[in-house]
């Protein structure tokens, strides 16, 4: 699998309430998207970012991080061949991301995603 980016997913109770800290105090701004249950705050100059999640909209569990790849289908096949637990099946989500969740041997749930152009 080729990793092209990694984003930390932080669990928060309320994205709007958390915005003051992340966007105000830390200087990140909501640049890329907000779907209500997930929002990414980014520093436009450095690219530093964090993704806040209240509860994943379609998966049965929340992921600790999102790993972006350029071939999610191949990454899914590799995860299956390695015998890793698939927590959320390979899915094209309504918001245009194709993804699946896999559990690392230490128990960490990882969202493997490819953004479709």
C-alpha atoms as a PDB file:
ATOM      1  CA  UNK A   1       0.000   0.000   0.000  1.00  0.00           C
ATOM      2  CA  UNK A   2       1.230   3.493  -0.816  1.00  0.00           C
ATOM      3  CA  UNK A   3       0.449   6.112   1.851  1.00  0.00           C
ATOM      4  CA  UNK A   4       0.005   9.640   0.496  1.00  0.00           C
ATOM      5  CA  UNK A   5      -1.128  11.363   3.710  1.00  0.00           C
ATOM      6  CA  UNK A   6      -2.097  10.794   7.335  1.00  0.00           C
ATOM      7  CA  UNK A   7      -4.618  12.773   9.393  1.00  0.00           C
ATOM      8  CA  UNK A   8      -5.251  12.397  13.122  1.00  0.00           C
ATOM      9  CA  UNK A   9      -8.921  11.939  14.030  1.00  0.00           C
ATOM     10  CA  UNK A  10      -9.748  13.406  17.440  1.00  0.00           C
ATOM     11  CA  UNK A  11     -12.994  12.471  19.160  1.00  0.00           C
ATOM     12  CA  UNK A  12     -14.913  15.506  20.421  1.00  0.00           C
ATOM     13  CA  UNK A  13     -18.426  15.851  21.794  1.00  0.00           C
ATOM     14  CA  UNK A  14     -19.273  18.994  19.811  1.00  0.00           C
ATOM     15  CA  UNK A  15     -17.315  20.313  16.825  1.00  0.00           C
ATOM     16  CA  UNK A  16     -18.721  23.841  17.103  1.00  0.00           C
ATOM     17  CA  UNK A  17     -17.720  24.026  20.773  1.00  0.00           C
ATOM     18  CA  UNK A  18     -14.218  22.733  19.979  1.00  0.00           C
ATOM     19  CA  UNK A  19     -13.683  25.236  17.162  1.00  0.00           C
ATOM     20  CA  UNK A  20     -12.620  28.052  19.490  1.00  0.00           C
ATOM     21  CA  UNK A  21      -9.593  26.089  20.643  1.00  0.00           C
ATOM     22  CA  UNK A  22      -8.538  24.545  17.319  1.00  0.00           C
ATOM     23  CA  UNK A  23      -9.347  27.432  14.989  1.00  0.00           C
ATOM     24  CA  UNK A  24      -9.038  30.307  17.442  1.00  0.00           C
ATOM     25  CA  UNK A  25      -6.231  29.501  19.840  1.00  0.00           C
ATOM     26  CA  UNK A  26      -4.132  27.202  17.599  1.00  0.00           C
ATOM     27  CA  UNK A  27      -4.790  29.244  14.462  1.00  0.00           C
ATOM     28  CA  UNK A  28      -6.081  26.370  12.344  1.00  0.00           C
ATOM     29  CA  UNK A  29      -9.046  27.161  10.136  1.00  0.00           C
ATOM     30  CA  UNK A  30     -11.784  25.018   8.712  1.00  0.00           C
ATOM     31  CA  UNK A  31     -10.464  24.783   5.193  1.00  0.00           C
ATOM     32  CA  UNK A  32     -11.170  21.458   3.602  1.00  0.00           C
ATOM     33  CA  UNK A  33     -14.652  20.417   4.738  1.00  0.00           C
ATOM     34  CA  UNK A  34     -17.272  20.041   7.442  1.00  0.00           C
ATOM     35  CA  UNK A  35     -19.990  17.412   7.286  1.00  0.00           C
ATOM     36  CA  UNK A  36     -21.459  18.219  10.699  1.00  0.00           C
ATOM     37  CA  UNK A  37     -20.054  15.082  12.335  1.00  0.00           C
ATOM     38  CA  UNK A  38     -16.492  15.559  11.006  1.00  0.00           C
ATOM     39  CA  UNK A  39     -14.484  18.683  10.212  1.00  0.00           C
ATOM     40  CA  UNK A  40     -10.861  19.263   9.246  1.00  0.00           C
ATOM     41  CA  UNK A  41      -9.032  22.332  10.564  1.00  0.00           C
ATOM     42  CA  UNK A  42      -5.876  23.320   8.694  1.00  0.00           C
ATOM     43  CA  UNK A  43      -3.193  25.967   8.879  1.00  0.00           C
ATOM     44  CA  UNK A  44      -3.232  27.375   5.340  1.00  0.00           C
ATOM     45  CA  UNK A  45       0.463  28.270   5.441  1.00  0.00           C
ATOM     46  CA  UNK A  46       1.975  25.090   6.883  1.00  0.00           C
ATOM     47  CA  UNK A  47      -0.629  22.443   6.054  1.00  0.00           C
ATOM     48  CA  UNK A  48      -0.693  21.292   9.699  1.00  0.00           C
ATOM     49  CA  UNK A  49      -4.149  19.919  10.398  1.00  0.00           C
ATOM     50  CA  UNK A  50      -6.404  17.946  12.668  1.00  0.00           C
ATOM     51  CA  UNK A  51      -9.717  16.248  11.990  1.00  0.00           C
ATOM     52  CA  UNK A  52     -12.432  16.420  14.658  1.00  0.00           C
ATOM     53  CA  UNK A  53     -15.051  13.664  14.769  1.00  0.00           C
ATOM     54  CA  UNK A  54     -18.165  13.445  16.934  1.00  0.00           C
ATOM     55  CA  UNK A  55     -19.290  10.028  15.672  1.00  0.00           C
ATOM     56  CA  UNK A  56     -18.634   8.439  12.291  1.00  0.00           C
ATOM     57  CA  UNK A  57     -21.747   8.683  10.133  1.00  0.00           C
ATOM     58  CA  UNK A  58     -21.595   5.213   8.568  1.00  0.00           C
ATOM     59  CA  UNK A  59     -18.992   3.065  10.357  1.00  0.00           C
ATOM     60  CA  UNK A  60     -19.741   1.066  13.509  1.00  0.00           C
ATOM     61  CA  UNK A  61     -16.707   2.539  15.338  1.00  0.00           C
ATOM     62  CA  UNK A  62     -14.603   5.691  15.162  1.00  0.00           C
ATOM     63  CA  UNK A  63     -11.104   5.589  13.714  1.00  0.00           C
ATOM     64  CA  UNK A  64      -8.001   6.999  15.408  1.00  0.00           C
ATOM     65  CA  UNK A  65      -6.539   8.240  12.149  1.00  0.00           C
ATOM     66  CA  UNK A  66      -7.122   8.413   8.429  1.00  0.00           C
ATOM     67  CA  UNK A  67      -4.471   7.111   6.069  1.00  0.00           C
ATOM     68  CA  UNK A  68      -4.911   8.382   2.522  1.00  0.00           C
ATOM     69  CA  UNK A  69      -3.819   6.119  -0.309  1.00  0.00           C
ATOM     70  CA  UNK A  70      -3.853   6.361  -4.078  1.00  0.00           C
ATOM     71  CA  UNK A  71      -5.327   2.846  -4.505  1.00  0.00           C
ATOM     72  CA  UNK A  72      -7.804   1.911  -1.792  1.00  0.00           C
ATOM     73  CA  UNK A  73      -8.933  -1.230  -3.612  1.00  0.00           C
ATOM     74  CA  UNK A  74      -5.378  -2.618  -3.596  1.00  0.00           C
ATOM     75  CA  UNK A  75      -4.945  -1.576   0.050  1.00  0.00           C
ATOM     76  CA  UNK A  76      -8.144  -3.448   0.933  1.00  0.00           C
ATOM     77  CA  UNK A  77      -6.948  -6.580  -0.861  1.00  0.00           C
ATOM     78  CA  UNK A  78      -3.592  -6.364   0.957  1.00  0.00           C
ATOM     79  CA  UNK A  79      -5.308  -6.009   4.353  1.00  0.00           C
ATOM     80  CA  UNK A  80      -7.495  -9.030   3.655  1.00  0.00           C
ATOM     81  CA  UNK A  81      -4.538 -11.118   2.433  1.00  0.00           C
ATOM     82  CA  UNK A  82      -2.631 -10.227   5.611  1.00  0.00           C
ATOM     83  CA  UNK A  83      -5.575 -11.385   7.720  1.00  0.00           C
ATOM     84  CA  UNK A  84      -6.252  -8.028   9.367  1.00  0.00           C
ATOM     85  CA  UNK A  85      -9.707  -7.475  10.817  1.00  0.00           C
ATOM     86  CA  UNK A  86     -11.872  -5.323   8.554  1.00  0.00           C
ATOM     87  CA  UNK A  87     -14.047  -3.211  10.850  1.00  0.00           C
ATOM     88  CA  UNK A  88     -15.952  -1.299   8.129  1.00  0.00           C
ATOM     89  CA  UNK A  89     -16.197  -2.753   4.608  1.00  0.00           C
ATOM     90  CA  UNK A  90     -14.813  -1.132   1.478  1.00  0.00           C
ATOM     91  CA  UNK A  91     -17.455   1.485   0.701  1.00  0.00           C
ATOM     92  CA  UNK A  92     -17.911   4.498  -1.536  1.00  0.00           C
ATOM     93  CA  UNK A  93     -19.464   6.984   0.861  1.00  0.00           C
ATOM     94  CA  UNK A  94     -22.136   9.521  -0.150  1.00  0.00           C
ATOM     95  CA  UNK A  95     -19.606  12.355   0.330  1.00  0.00           C
ATOM     96  CA  UNK A  96     -17.313  10.896  -2.343  1.00  0.00           C
ATOM     97  CA  UNK A  97     -14.654   9.096  -0.317  1.00  0.00           C
ATOM     98  CA  UNK A  98     -13.944   5.401  -0.947  1.00  0.00           C
ATOM     99  CA  UNK A  99     -12.740   3.809   2.290  1.00  0.00           C
ATOM    100  CA  UNK A 100     -12.598   0.922   4.724  1.00  0.00           C
ATOM    101  CA  UNK A 101     -11.604   0.563   8.370  1.00  0.00           C
ATOM    102  CA  UNK A 102      -8.977  -1.962   9.460  1.00  0.00           C
ATOM    103  CA  UNK A 103      -7.910  -2.873  12.993  1.00  0.00           C
ATOM    104  CA  UNK A 104      -4.142  -2.823  13.596  1.00  0.00           C
ATOM    105  CA  UNK A 105      -2.720  -5.667  15.714  1.00  0.00           C
ATOM    106  CA  UNK A 106      -2.524  -3.255  18.700  1.00  0.00           C
ATOM    107  CA  UNK A 107      -6.268  -2.565  18.408  1.00  0.00           C
ATOM    108  CA  UNK A 108      -6.065   0.859  16.743  1.00  0.00           C
ATOM    109  CA  UNK A 109      -8.810   1.373  14.161  1.00  0.00           C
ATOM    110  CA  UNK A 110      -7.475   2.986  10.976  1.00  0.00           C
ATOM    111  CA  UNK A 111      -9.575   4.567   8.242  1.00  0.00           C
ATOM    112  CA  UNK A 112      -7.924   3.797   4.871  1.00  0.00           C
ATOM    113  CA  UNK A 113      -9.319   6.271   2.335  1.00  0.00           C
ATOM    114  CA  UNK A 114      -9.040   7.457  -1.230  1.00  0.00           C
ATOM    115  CA  UNK A 115     -10.621  10.724  -2.301  1.00  0.00           C
ATOM    116  CA  UNK A 116     -12.265  10.430  -5.693  1.00  0.00           C
ATOM    117  CA  UNK A 117     -11.770  13.396  -7.975  1.00  0.00           C
END
